[in-house]
Amino acid sequence: MTQTLSRRSGGQILVDALRIHGVKRAFCVPGESYLAVLDALYDAREAIDLVVCRQEGGAAYMAEAHGKLTGEPGICFVTRGPGATNAAVGVHTAFQDSSPMILFIGQVARDQQYREAFQEVDFRQMYGPLAKWVVQIDDTRRIPELLSQAFHRAVNGRPGPVVVALPEDMLTEMAEVADAGPFKRVPMTPAAEQMTALQDTLKQAERPLMVLGGSGWDSQSVRDIQLFAQQQDLPVAASFRCQDLFDNRHPNYAGDLGFAASAQLTAAVKDADLLLVVGSRMGEVSSGGYTTLDIPVPKQTLVHVHQGIEELGRVYQPALAINSSMSSFAAMAAQLAPASRKGRGEWTRALNEHYRRNLQCPASPGDVQMAEIIGWLNQRLPDDAILTNGAGNYAVWLQRFYQYRHYRTQLGPTNGSMGYGVPSAVSAKLNCPDRVVVSFSGDGCFLMNGQEIATAAQYGANVVFVVVNNGMYGTIRMHQERNYPGRVSGTELHNPEFSRLAQAYGLHGEVVSKTCEFAPAFERCLKASSPSLIEVRIDPEALTPRLSLTQIREQARKP
């Protein structure tokens, strides 16, 4: 089809390309280096919702969460230099979480490069290890071509972040160029002989374990993989912060391989005669610091299914490697004939029973019992509620005691990035305004991106923000007590009154200092006409579900 070429600025060509690729929302912190794009977005304001954030790290987290939640590339615009360095935290999260994302960075003019001009950074060097691809568009006429490549790279294979640098003068330059078409996903399907080999392997297994993780899933593939697990009578574990890939109430569910993993599940990974890893990389956390599988050849028969060909054989040599999209593999796996072996049902039931027992928790020090609060939320929240969290010991209660029932009800950074809980929740609520969204943060975690509650208030994203306040960087304090007991250094915090801080932003604020106060406070938050925040003040001794601070210190001091 012949296109009628019109003379457009680089900024206009770029925004036209975003519309062609189906972009409906973008996150940004404005900068003078990409004013031409902002001007073009003004004319596209009915088609593309531009969400203005308060710090580039928050904007990048929102874009990453959008990609994780929807499977479509999250779009973020930031300015050069400080803006780009602030945004790096979201790009690193997208890389390790395999979330499709495109970060656009305004850049110095082309005639000023390599002089250390104002805020100049070579983004190809800076972002090279953090992204799937980094490109600088120096020719206005190549914008459609290179944006097409950026979208295709972000979503295909192992999804991830792409960084695109935009010299300021390139965006104002006029050009006549044809637009590219919308990006397309390239499906990857297992070979028939690979599925036959998998079926033969399943027939021989007496203690199989399937581990689910990674990205590239959708609702149908999650349903298909659950059907496969039922038909094959397979116990199923979720890799770190991927619990929403399998109904946690299902009798085949065995728990998650995160920091709250039970000793029984860790032992099951080691004792399994077949380990079917679908989507997960079995990284440091999910492998217990690379201890549950021998490297490079595991003693378990390893079948590894992954979208990224570069991941197959990268750390572990699998007996069977399958390079496939999650949807293709799950659909074909659901069609395999049942291959249950005698005794496999007992193995599956035993692992499920261990998981259910791990939902029980001894009382923690203090008047607030976080396990009871999470247990109440488990009963109160609808199945499609979205829960988000950043990094910190507070998240262990959520990971261990909440049961995820539906796909994409969990947003948590597998790279352990603090400050994620607030902006990811804002992004989730903007995408799913009719669903309940609850954000969890520790006191240290919250103040890394807490300013984004202003973004929530500005756009009417009525999230319930929960801040678990124990007056310390709890995770670091835990490690400090284990390695240097009693020598507290650099982990104490002096906090504001978070509920009053929230009120200053226009949010509804609550304080909870006893377990019984949480439920009525939460109900008031749900009824509020604005975003809301609950400050949960817990005893500093309640450092983990299993051990108090004093117990950790005393254990460390034992000879």
Protein backbone atom coordinates (compact mmCIF):
# COMPACT_ATOMS: atom_id res chain seq x y z
CA MET A 1 0.00 0.00 0.00
CA THR A 2 1.40 3.39 -0.98
CA GLN A 3 1.58 5.95 1.81
CA THR A 4 1.17 9.67 1.31
CA LEU A 5 4.25 11.21 2.90
CA SER A 6 3.84 14.33 5.00
CA ARG A 7 6.53 16.55 6.42
CA ARG A 8 6.68 16.03 10.19
CA SER A 9 8.98 16.74 13.08
CA GLY A 10 10.86 13.88 14.69
CA GLY A 11 8.69 14.24 17.77
CA GLN A 12 5.54 13.90 15.68
CA ILE A 13 6.89 10.90 13.77
CA LEU A 14 7.70 9.21 17.10
CA VAL A 15 4.27 9.83 18.63
CA ASP A 16 2.58 8.65 15.43
CA ALA A 17 4.63 5.47 15.72
CA LEU A 18 3.53 4.97 19.33
CA ARG A 19 -0.11 5.14 18.22
CA ILE A 20 0.52 2.65 15.42
CA HIS A 21 2.08 0.22 17.90
CA GLY A 22 -1.00 0.44 20.11
CA VAL A 23 0.32 2.56 22.98
CA LYS A 24 -2.54 3.86 25.13
CA ARG A 25 -0.61 5.14 28.14
CA ALA A 26 2.87 6.55 28.82
CA PHE A 27 4.58 7.60 32.04
CA CYS A 28 6.97 10.52 32.27
CA VAL A 29 8.80 13.19 34.15
CA PRO A 30 9.01 16.11 31.70
CA GLY A 31 12.31 17.51 30.45
CA GLU A 32 13.43 20.18 28.02
CA SER A 33 15.36 17.58 26.03
CA TYR A 34 12.19 16.07 24.55
CA LEU A 35 9.82 19.05 24.35
CA ALA A 36 9.02 18.16 20.73
CA VAL A 37 7.62 14.82 21.90
CA LEU A 38 5.55 16.48 24.64
CA ASP A 39 4.16 18.87 22.04
CA ALA A 40 3.18 15.98 19.77
CA LEU A 41 1.61 14.16 22.72
CA TYR A 42 -0.59 17.24 23.26
CA ASP A 43 -2.27 16.58 19.93
CA ALA A 44 -2.52 12.86 20.75
CA ARG A 45 -3.93 13.40 24.25
CA GLU A 46 -7.24 11.68 23.40
CA ALA A 47 -5.38 8.56 22.23
CA ILE A 48 -2.42 8.37 24.66
CA ASP A 49 -2.89 9.00 28.38
CA LEU A 50 0.25 10.76 29.62
CA VAL A 51 0.80 10.14 33.34
CA VAL A 52 3.11 12.73 34.88
CA CYS A 53 5.12 11.32 37.79
CA ARG A 54 7.19 12.92 40.55
CA GLN A 55 10.52 11.16 40.06
CA GLU A 56 11.97 9.18 37.19
CA GLY A 57 12.45 6.08 39.31
CA GLY A 58 8.73 6.07 40.06
CA ALA A 59 7.87 6.67 36.39
CA ALA A 60 10.10 3.77 35.30
CA TYR A 61 8.59 1.46 37.94
CA MET A 62 5.11 2.37 36.69
CA ALA A 63 6.09 1.56 33.11
CA GLU A 64 7.66 -1.75 34.21
CA ALA A 65 4.53 -2.65 36.20
CA HIS A 66 2.39 -1.83 33.15
CA GLY A 67 4.47 -4.22 31.05
CA LYS A 68 4.33 -6.93 33.71
CA LEU A 69 0.57 -6.57 34.19
CA THR A 70 -0.54 -6.28 30.56
CA GLY A 71 2.21 -7.97 28.53
CA GLU A 72 2.38 -4.83 26.37
CA PRO A 73 5.53 -2.67 26.50
CA GLY A 74 5.39 -0.12 29.30
CA ILE A 75 6.37 3.29 27.93
CA CYS A 76 8.41 5.82 29.90
CA PHE A 77 9.89 9.21 28.93
CA VAL A 78 12.64 10.88 30.94
CA THR A 79 15.17 13.60 30.32
CA ARG A 80 18.92 13.19 29.90
CA GLY A 81 21.57 12.86 32.62
CA PRO A 82 19.97 12.84 36.08
CA GLY A 83 16.59 11.82 34.70
CA ALA A 84 18.08 8.86 32.90
CA THR A 85 20.15 7.73 35.88
CA ASN A 86 17.10 7.93 38.16
CA ALA A 87 15.16 5.72 35.73
CA ALA A 88 17.81 2.99 35.78
CA VAL A 89 16.19 1.29 38.77
CA GLY A 90 13.06 0.54 36.74
CA VAL A 91 15.07 -0.71 33.77
CA HIS A 92 17.04 -3.11 35.97
CA THR A 93 13.77 -4.38 37.43
CA ALA A 94 12.32 -4.91 33.94
CA PHE A 95 15.46 -6.80 32.88
CA GLN A 96 15.52 -9.25 35.79
CA ASP A 97 11.72 -9.59 35.82
CA SER A 98 11.58 -10.05 32.01
CA SER A 99 8.99 -7.28 31.63
CA PRO A 100 8.49 -5.60 28.24
CA MET A 101 9.34 -1.91 28.52
CA ILE A 102 10.70 0.93 26.40
CA LEU A 103 12.49 3.84 28.05
CA PHE A 104 12.83 6.96 25.90
CA ILE A 105 15.54 9.39 26.99
CA GLY A 106 15.97 12.93 25.74
CA GLN A 107 19.60 13.45 24.72
CA VAL A 108 21.89 16.39 24.02
CA ALA A 109 21.88 17.77 20.47
CA ARG A 110 23.98 15.86 17.95
CA ASP A 111 26.42 18.73 17.41
CA GLN A 112 27.16 18.82 21.18
CA GLN A 113 27.97 15.14 21.67
CA TYR A 114 31.31 13.90 23.06
CA ARG A 115 32.05 17.29 24.70
CA GLU A 116 30.53 16.43 28.11
CA ALA A 117 27.74 18.85 27.32
CA PHE A 118 25.15 19.73 29.96
CA GLN A 119 23.79 16.44 31.39
CA GLU A 120 25.44 14.38 28.62
CA VAL A 121 25.77 10.62 29.16
CA ASP A 122 26.59 7.91 26.64
CA PHE A 123 23.50 5.78 27.20
CA ARG A 124 24.74 2.91 25.06
CA GLN A 125 27.56 2.41 27.56
CA MET A 126 25.49 3.20 30.65
CA TYR A 127 22.51 1.00 29.84
CA GLY A 128 24.30 -1.71 27.88
CA PRO A 129 24.34 -4.29 30.72
CA LEU A 130 20.84 -3.32 31.96
CA ALA A 131 18.72 -3.62 28.82
CA LYS A 132 18.03 -6.00 25.94
CA TRP A 133 18.98 -3.29 23.47
CA VAL A 134 20.12 0.33 23.57
CA VAL A 135 19.91 2.58 20.52
CA GLN A 136 20.33 6.27 19.80
CA ILE A 137 18.32 7.60 16.87
CA ASP A 138 20.53 10.10 15.07
CA ASP A 139 18.57 10.19 11.81
CA THR A 140 14.97 11.44 11.98
CA ARG A 141 14.04 9.37 8.95
CA ARG A 142 14.90 6.15 10.81
CA ILE A 143 12.46 6.68 13.70
CA PRO A 144 9.76 4.30 12.29
CA GLU A 145 12.33 1.61 11.54
CA LEU A 146 14.12 1.73 14.89
CA LEU A 147 10.94 2.02 16.95
CA SER A 148 9.59 -1.03 15.18
CA GLN A 149 12.75 -2.86 16.14
CA ALA A 150 12.48 -1.60 19.73
CA PHE A 151 8.93 -2.94 20.14
CA HIS A 152 9.78 -6.27 18.53
CA ARG A 153 12.82 -6.72 20.79
CA ALA A 154 10.87 -5.75 23.93
CA VAL A 155 8.17 -8.40 23.50
CA ASN A 156 9.80 -11.30 21.62
CA GLY A 157 12.04 -14.03 22.99
CA ARG A 158 12.62 -13.33 26.66
CA PRO A 159 10.75 -9.99 27.10
CA GLY A 160 12.64 -7.09 28.59
CA PRO A 161 13.53 -3.41 28.49
CA VAL A 162 14.77 -1.45 25.49
CA VAL A 163 16.33 2.01 25.84
CA VAL A 164 16.00 4.60 23.07
CA ALA A 165 18.01 7.85 23.23
CA LEU A 166 16.56 10.85 21.37
CA PRO A 167 18.88 13.76 20.54
CA GLU A 168 17.00 17.01 21.08
CA ASP A 169 17.68 18.45 17.63
CA MET A 170 16.71 15.18 15.94
CA LEU A 171 13.26 15.53 17.47
CA THR A 172 12.75 19.03 16.09
CA GLU A 173 14.14 18.23 12.64
CA MET A 174 11.55 17.89 9.86
CA ALA A 175 11.47 14.85 7.59
CA GLU A 176 9.30 12.95 5.14
CA VAL A 177 9.20 9.25 5.97
CA ALA A 178 6.75 6.37 5.72
CA ASP A 179 5.40 4.83 8.92
CA ALA A 180 6.03 1.21 9.87
CA GLY A 181 3.20 -1.16 10.74
CA PRO A 182 2.38 -2.35 14.26
CA PHE A 183 4.76 -4.80 15.93
CA LYS A 184 4.01 -8.51 15.82
CA ARG A 185 4.72 -11.24 18.31
CA VAL A 186 6.71 -14.16 16.99
CA PRO A 187 5.34 -17.41 18.44
CA MET A 188 7.75 -20.16 19.48
CA THR A 189 6.34 -23.67 19.55
CA PRO A 190 7.86 -26.89 20.89
CA ALA A 191 8.74 -29.53 18.34
CA ALA A 192 6.48 -32.58 18.37
CA GLU A 193 9.42 -34.83 19.26
CA GLN A 194 10.19 -32.63 22.28
CA MET A 195 6.65 -33.09 23.65
CA THR A 196 6.95 -36.83 23.03
CA ALA A 197 10.22 -36.84 24.96
CA LEU A 198 8.55 -34.91 27.78
CA GLN A 199 5.71 -37.45 27.91
CA ASP A 200 8.19 -40.33 28.08
CA THR A 201 10.08 -38.55 30.88
CA LEU A 202 6.87 -37.99 32.83
CA LYS A 203 6.01 -41.68 32.61
CA GLN A 204 9.27 -42.59 34.36
CA ALA A 205 9.08 -39.97 37.15
CA GLU A 206 8.04 -40.95 40.65
CA ARG A 207 8.86 -37.65 42.41
CA PRO A 208 8.32 -34.92 39.80
CA LEU A 209 8.06 -31.23 40.61
CA MET A 210 7.02 -28.46 38.24
CA VAL A 211 8.32 -24.94 38.88
CA LEU A 212 6.55 -22.00 37.21
CA GLY A 213 7.96 -18.52 36.76
CA GLY A 214 9.08 -15.81 34.41
CA SER A 215 6.95 -13.71 32.09
CA GLY A 216 5.08 -14.20 28.83
CA TRP A 217 2.09 -15.87 30.46
CA ASP A 218 -1.56 -14.98 29.94
CA SER A 219 -4.84 -16.14 31.46
CA GLN A 220 -5.27 -18.99 28.98
CA SER A 221 -1.75 -20.36 29.40
CA VAL A 222 -2.19 -20.30 33.18
CA ARG A 223 -5.42 -22.30 32.81
CA ASP A 224 -3.70 -24.73 30.45
CA ILE A 225 -0.73 -25.33 32.75
CA GLN A 226 -3.07 -25.97 35.69
CA LEU A 227 -4.97 -28.53 33.61
CA PHE A 228 -1.65 -30.16 32.68
CA ALA A 229 -0.65 -30.36 36.35
CA GLN A 230 -3.98 -31.96 37.26
CA GLN A 231 -3.83 -34.53 34.47
CA GLN A 232 -0.25 -35.52 35.29
CA ASP A 233 -0.77 -35.30 39.07
CA LEU A 234 2.21 -32.94 39.37
CA PRO A 235 3.01 -30.86 42.45
CA VAL A 236 3.58 -27.26 41.41
CA ALA A 237 5.86 -24.66 43.00
CA ALA A 238 6.12 -21.01 42.02
CA SER A 239 9.48 -19.35 41.64
CA PHE A 240 10.22 -16.15 43.56
CA ARG A 241 7.27 -13.71 43.41
CA CYS A 242 5.45 -15.67 40.74
CA GLN A 243 2.72 -17.20 42.93
CA ASP A 244 -0.09 -15.84 40.74
CA LEU A 245 0.78 -18.32 37.98
CA PHE A 246 -1.06 -21.11 39.83
CA ASP A 247 -4.06 -21.07 42.17
CA ASN A 248 -2.52 -21.29 45.64
CA ARG A 249 -5.67 -23.05 46.95
CA HIS A 250 -5.31 -25.89 44.42
CA PRO A 251 -4.50 -29.33 45.90
CA ASN A 252 -1.44 -29.59 43.61
CA TYR A 253 0.14 -26.36 44.86
CA ALA A 254 3.34 -26.88 46.85
CA GLY A 255 4.34 -23.28 47.73
CA ASP A 256 6.79 -20.71 46.44
CA LEU A 257 10.57 -20.83 46.18
CA GLY A 258 11.12 -17.41 47.70
CA PHE A 259 12.61 -16.22 50.96
CA ALA A 260 9.62 -17.75 52.77
CA ALA A 261 10.06 -21.21 51.23
CA SER A 262 9.50 -24.06 53.65
CA ALA A 263 12.27 -26.50 54.46
CA GLN A 264 10.09 -29.29 53.03
CA LEU A 265 9.75 -27.58 49.65
CA THR A 266 13.47 -26.88 49.45
CA ALA A 267 14.13 -30.52 50.23
CA ALA A 268 11.60 -31.58 47.58
CA VAL A 269 13.50 -29.65 44.90
CA LYS A 270 16.66 -31.55 45.85
CA ASP A 271 14.89 -34.92 46.12
CA ALA A 272 12.82 -34.69 42.93
CA ASP A 273 13.73 -37.17 40.21
CA LEU A 274 12.19 -34.86 37.57
CA LEU A 275 12.31 -31.09 37.73
CA LEU A 276 10.12 -29.45 35.07
CA VAL A 277 11.00 -25.74 35.07
CA VAL A 278 8.62 -23.68 32.94
CA GLY A 279 9.44 -20.01 32.40
CA SER A 280 11.68 -19.62 35.44
CA ARG A 281 15.43 -19.13 35.24
CA MET A 282 15.85 -20.78 38.66
CA GLY A 283 17.90 -17.80 39.75
CA GLU A 284 19.64 -17.18 43.05
CA VAL A 285 16.54 -16.86 45.24
CA SER A 286 14.53 -19.71 43.70
CA SER A 287 17.54 -22.04 43.83
CA GLY A 288 18.49 -21.22 47.43
CA GLY A 289 21.66 -19.43 46.39
CA TYR A 290 22.36 -21.95 43.60
CA THR A 291 22.43 -24.85 46.08
CA THR A 292 19.34 -26.92 45.21
CA LEU A 293 20.56 -27.87 41.72
CA ASP A 294 24.09 -28.99 40.91
CA ILE A 295 25.91 -26.82 38.36
CA PRO A 296 26.34 -27.40 35.50
CA VAL A 297 24.56 -30.79 35.45
CA PRO A 298 21.76 -31.24 38.02
CA LYS A 299 21.28 -34.65 39.57
CA GLN A 300 17.56 -34.27 38.93
CA THR A 301 16.35 -34.91 35.40
CA LEU A 302 15.88 -31.30 34.32
CA VAL A 303 13.40 -30.28 31.65
CA HIS A 304 13.75 -26.55 31.08
CA VAL A 305 11.18 -24.58 29.09
CA HIS A 306 12.03 -20.94 28.42
CA GLN A 307 11.29 -18.19 25.91
CA GLY A 308 14.89 -17.05 25.75
CA ILE A 309 17.17 -19.41 23.87
CA GLU A 310 20.13 -17.83 25.69
CA GLU A 311 18.75 -19.08 29.04
CA LEU A 312 18.72 -22.75 28.05
CA GLY A 313 22.00 -24.24 29.22
CA ARG A 314 23.21 -20.91 30.60
CA VAL A 315 23.58 -22.15 34.19
CA TYR A 316 22.13 -25.65 34.17
CA GLN A 317 22.46 -28.24 31.43
CA PRO A 318 18.96 -29.67 30.97
CA ALA A 319 18.22 -33.21 29.89
CA LEU A 320 15.55 -31.68 27.66
CA ALA A 321 15.58 -28.01 26.61
CA ILE A 322 12.48 -26.52 25.03
CA ASN A 323 12.57 -23.02 23.55
CA SER A 324 8.93 -21.99 23.52
CA SER A 325 6.46 -19.29 24.41
CA MET A 326 4.46 -20.04 27.52
CA SER A 327 1.16 -20.12 25.62
CA SER A 328 2.38 -22.64 23.05
CA PHE A 329 3.98 -24.96 25.59
CA ALA A 330 1.06 -24.85 28.02
CA ALA A 331 -1.49 -25.54 25.29
CA MET A 332 0.48 -28.55 24.00
CA ALA A 333 1.20 -29.84 27.51
CA ALA A 334 -2.52 -29.78 28.33
CA GLN A 335 -3.07 -32.16 25.40
CA LEU A 336 -0.65 -34.82 26.66
CA ALA A 337 -2.16 -38.07 27.83
CA PRO A 338 -2.12 -38.55 31.62
CA ALA A 339 1.03 -40.27 32.81
CA SER A 340 0.44 -40.76 36.52
CA ARG A 341 2.53 -43.37 38.29
CA LYS A 342 1.63 -45.24 41.43
CA GLY A 343 2.69 -43.29 44.48
CA ARG A 344 2.90 -39.94 42.68
CA GLY A 345 -0.40 -38.84 44.23
CA GLU A 346 0.99 -39.35 47.73
CA TRP A 347 4.03 -37.23 46.83
CA THR A 348 1.83 -34.41 45.53
CA ARG A 349 -0.51 -34.54 48.53
CA ALA A 350 2.39 -34.53 50.99
CA LEU A 351 3.88 -31.38 49.44
CA ASN A 352 0.50 -29.66 49.47
CA GLU A 353 0.04 -30.56 53.13
CA HIS A 354 3.48 -29.10 53.94
CA TYR A 355 2.44 -25.89 52.14
CA ARG A 356 -0.80 -25.65 54.11
CA ARG A 357 0.99 -26.20 57.40
CA ASN A 358 3.37 -23.39 56.49
CA LEU A 359 0.39 -21.03 56.45
CA GLN A 360 0.28 -21.37 60.23
CA CYS A 361 2.41 -18.97 62.20
CA PRO A 362 3.37 -18.66 65.87
CA ALA A 363 2.53 -15.39 67.57
CA SER A 364 4.99 -12.55 66.94
CA PRO A 365 6.11 -10.04 69.58
CA GLY A 366 3.90 -7.00 70.03
CA ASP A 367 0.25 -6.06 69.60
CA VAL A 368 0.19 -6.36 65.81
CA GLN A 369 0.16 -9.84 64.29
CA MET A 370 0.99 -9.43 60.60
CA ALA A 371 0.16 -13.08 59.87
CA GLU A 372 -3.38 -12.51 61.14
CA ILE A 373 -3.73 -9.32 59.09
CA ILE A 374 -2.65 -11.09 55.91
CA GLY A 375 -4.93 -14.00 56.80
CA TRP A 376 -7.85 -11.59 57.13
CA LEU A 377 -7.04 -10.01 53.76
CA ASN A 378 -6.87 -13.49 52.29
CA GLN A 379 -10.52 -13.96 53.25
CA ARG A 380 -11.68 -10.39 52.58
CA LEU A 381 -10.20 -9.48 49.22
CA PRO A 382 -11.83 -10.53 45.94
CA ASP A 383 -10.03 -13.13 43.89
CA ASP A 384 -8.93 -10.55 41.30
CA ALA A 385 -7.48 -8.06 43.80
CA ILE A 386 -3.97 -6.90 42.88
CA LEU A 387 -1.34 -6.85 45.63
CA THR A 388 1.97 -5.07 45.14
CA ASN A 389 5.12 -4.90 47.24
CA GLY A 390 8.69 -3.71 47.14
CA ALA A 391 11.57 -5.33 49.01
CA GLY A 392 12.02 -5.91 52.71
CA ASN A 393 11.24 -8.34 55.51
CA TYR A 394 7.65 -7.04 55.71
CA ALA A 395 7.03 -8.71 52.32
CA VAL A 396 7.75 -12.15 53.76
CA TRP A 397 4.41 -12.08 55.61
CA LEU A 398 2.63 -11.27 52.37
CA GLN A 399 4.53 -13.88 50.35
CA ARG A 400 4.01 -16.62 52.91
CA PHE A 401 0.44 -16.10 54.13
CA TYR A 402 -1.51 -14.64 51.22
CA GLN A 403 -2.97 -17.09 48.69
CA TYR A 404 -3.01 -15.79 45.13
CA ARG A 405 -5.90 -17.20 43.13
CA HIS A 406 -5.83 -15.50 39.73
CA TYR A 407 -3.26 -14.60 37.11
CA ARG A 408 -1.76 -11.14 37.44
CA THR A 409 -2.83 -10.40 40.97
CA GLN A 410 0.79 -10.09 42.17
CA LEU A 411 3.25 -7.33 41.31
CA GLY A 412 6.58 -7.67 43.08
CA PRO A 413 10.14 -7.14 41.87
CA THR A 414 12.14 -10.35 41.56
CA ASN A 415 15.29 -8.21 41.59
CA GLY A 416 14.52 -7.22 45.20
CA SER A 417 14.17 -3.53 44.40
CA MET A 418 12.98 -1.22 47.16
CA GLY A 419 10.46 1.51 46.44
CA TYR A 420 8.45 -0.59 43.98
CA GLY A 421 5.22 -1.09 45.93
CA VAL A 422 3.82 2.45 45.59
CA PRO A 423 4.38 3.24 41.89
CA SER A 424 3.49 -0.28 40.72
CA ALA A 425 0.18 0.00 42.56
CA VAL A 426 -0.57 3.35 40.91
CA SER A 427 0.10 1.81 37.51
CA ALA A 428 -2.07 -1.21 38.32
CA LYS A 429 -5.00 0.91 39.46
CA LEU A 430 -4.82 3.10 36.35
CA ASN A 431 -4.94 -0.07 34.23
CA CYS A 432 -7.61 -1.80 36.31
CA PRO A 433 -9.73 0.93 37.94
CA ASP A 434 -12.50 -1.50 38.94
CA ARG A 435 -10.21 -3.90 40.81
CA VAL A 436 -9.07 -3.55 44.41
CA VAL A 437 -5.35 -2.67 44.51
CA VAL A 438 -3.41 -2.93 47.78
CA SER A 439 0.19 -1.72 48.01
CA PHE A 440 2.57 -2.98 50.70
CA SER A 441 5.73 -1.13 51.70
CA GLY A 442 8.03 -1.10 54.67
CA ASP A 443 8.88 2.25 56.23
CA GLY A 444 12.25 2.33 54.45
CA CYS A 445 10.76 1.03 51.21
CA PHE A 446 7.91 3.56 51.22
CA LEU A 447 10.08 6.65 51.47
CA MET A 448 12.10 5.65 48.42
CA ASN A 449 9.12 6.39 46.16
CA GLY A 450 6.40 7.53 48.52
CA GLN A 451 6.10 10.81 46.65
CA GLU A 452 4.17 8.94 43.97
CA ILE A 453 1.11 8.96 46.22
CA ALA A 454 0.82 12.48 44.80
CA THR A 455 0.47 10.88 41.37
CA ALA A 456 -2.21 8.57 42.76
CA ALA A 457 -4.10 11.57 44.13
CA GLN A 458 -3.72 13.56 40.90
CA TYR A 459 -5.13 10.80 38.70
CA GLY A 460 -7.68 9.36 41.11
CA ALA A 461 -5.92 6.02 41.47
CA ASN A 462 -7.62 4.91 44.67
CA VAL A 463 -5.06 2.44 45.94
CA VAL A 464 -4.96 1.31 49.57
CA PHE A 465 -1.33 1.86 50.59
CA VAL A 466 -0.17 -0.17 53.61
CA VAL A 467 3.05 0.98 55.30
CA VAL A 468 4.54 -1.51 57.77
CA ASN A 469 6.54 0.66 60.16
CA ASN A 470 9.16 -0.87 62.47
CA GLY A 471 11.64 2.02 62.47
CA MET A 472 14.47 0.26 60.67
CA TYR A 473 15.78 -1.21 57.45
CA GLY A 474 14.55 -4.59 58.65
CA THR A 475 16.17 -6.95 56.15
CA ILE A 476 19.60 -5.38 56.60
CA ARG A 477 19.12 -5.39 60.37
CA MET A 478 18.33 -9.11 60.21
CA HIS A 479 21.55 -9.84 58.33
CA GLN A 480 23.44 -7.47 60.64
CA GLU A 481 22.25 -9.33 63.73
CA ARG A 482 23.19 -12.68 62.16
CA ASN A 483 26.69 -11.58 61.23
CA TYR A 484 27.48 -8.84 63.79
CA PRO A 485 25.05 -9.43 66.68
CA GLY A 486 24.27 -6.39 68.79
CA ARG A 487 26.41 -4.02 66.69
CA VAL A 488 23.66 -1.88 65.18
CA SER A 489 25.02 0.49 62.57
CA GLY A 490 23.31 2.25 59.68
CA THR A 491 19.94 0.52 59.93
CA GLU A 492 17.91 2.69 62.34
CA LEU A 493 15.27 5.06 60.91
CA HIS A 494 13.48 8.13 62.25
CA ASN A 495 10.16 8.28 60.46
CA PRO A 496 7.39 10.81 59.94
CA GLU A 497 3.82 10.03 60.93
CA PHE A 498 2.91 8.33 57.68
CA SER A 499 -0.84 8.72 58.10
CA ARG A 500 -0.52 12.48 58.53
CA LEU A 501 1.91 12.64 55.63
CA ALA A 502 -0.71 10.89 53.49
CA GLN A 503 -3.34 13.39 54.61
CA ALA A 504 -1.07 16.23 53.51
CA TYR A 505 -1.13 14.71 50.01
CA GLY A 506 -4.93 14.56 50.09
CA LEU A 507 -5.23 10.88 51.00
CA HIS A 508 -7.34 9.28 53.67
CA GLY A 509 -5.01 8.21 56.50
CA GLU A 510 -5.25 5.56 59.22
CA VAL A 511 -2.99 4.29 62.01
CA VAL A 512 -3.07 0.69 63.24
CA SER A 513 -1.24 -0.26 66.42
CA LYS A 514 -3.27 -3.40 67.28
CA THR A 515 -4.33 -6.31 65.09
CA CYS A 516 -8.02 -5.73 65.76
CA GLU A 517 -7.78 -2.19 64.39
CA PHE A 518 -6.76 -3.23 60.89
CA ALA A 519 -10.05 -4.62 59.53
CA PRO A 520 -12.19 -1.54 60.31
CA ALA A 521 -9.41 0.77 59.10
CA PHE A 522 -9.19 -1.15 55.82
CA GLU A 523 -12.96 -1.01 55.33
CA ARG A 524 -12.90 2.75 55.81
CA CYS A 525 -10.15 2.99 53.22
CA LEU A 526 -12.19 1.03 50.68
CA LYS A 527 -15.09 3.42 51.18
CA ALA A 528 -12.93 6.54 50.86
CA SER A 529 -13.34 8.71 47.77
CA SER A 530 -9.57 9.12 47.47
CA PRO A 531 -6.44 6.98 47.71
CA SER A 532 -5.78 5.93 51.29
CA LEU A 533 -2.91 4.86 53.53
CA ILE A 534 -2.76 2.62 56.59
CA GLU A 535 0.29 2.95 58.79
CA VAL A 536 0.77 -0.36 60.63
CA ARG A 537 3.08 0.12 63.60
CA ILE A 538 4.69 -3.17 64.50
CA ASP A 539 7.10 -4.15 67.24
CA PRO A 540 10.74 -4.02 66.04
CA GLU A 541 11.16 -7.46 67.62
CA ALA A 542 8.74 -8.91 65.02
CA LEU A 543 11.45 -9.11 62.39
CA THR A 544 10.46 -12.38 60.68
CA PRO A 545 7.54 -14.83 60.93
CA ARG A 546 9.84 -17.49 62.38
CA LEU A 547 12.27 -15.61 64.63
CA SER A 548 12.25 -12.40 66.64
CA LEU A 549 15.11 -9.92 66.52
CA THR A 550 16.36 -11.09 69.92
CA GLN A 551 16.21 -14.75 68.88
CA ILE A 552 18.24 -14.00 65.74
CA ARG A 553 20.85 -12.20 67.82
CA GLU A 554 21.02 -14.95 70.46
CA GLN A 555 21.41 -17.65 67.83
CA ALA A 556 24.26 -15.71 66.23
CA ARG A 557 26.07 -15.42 69.55
CA LYS A 558 26.01 -19.14 70.24
CA PRO A 559 29.42 -20.72 69.78
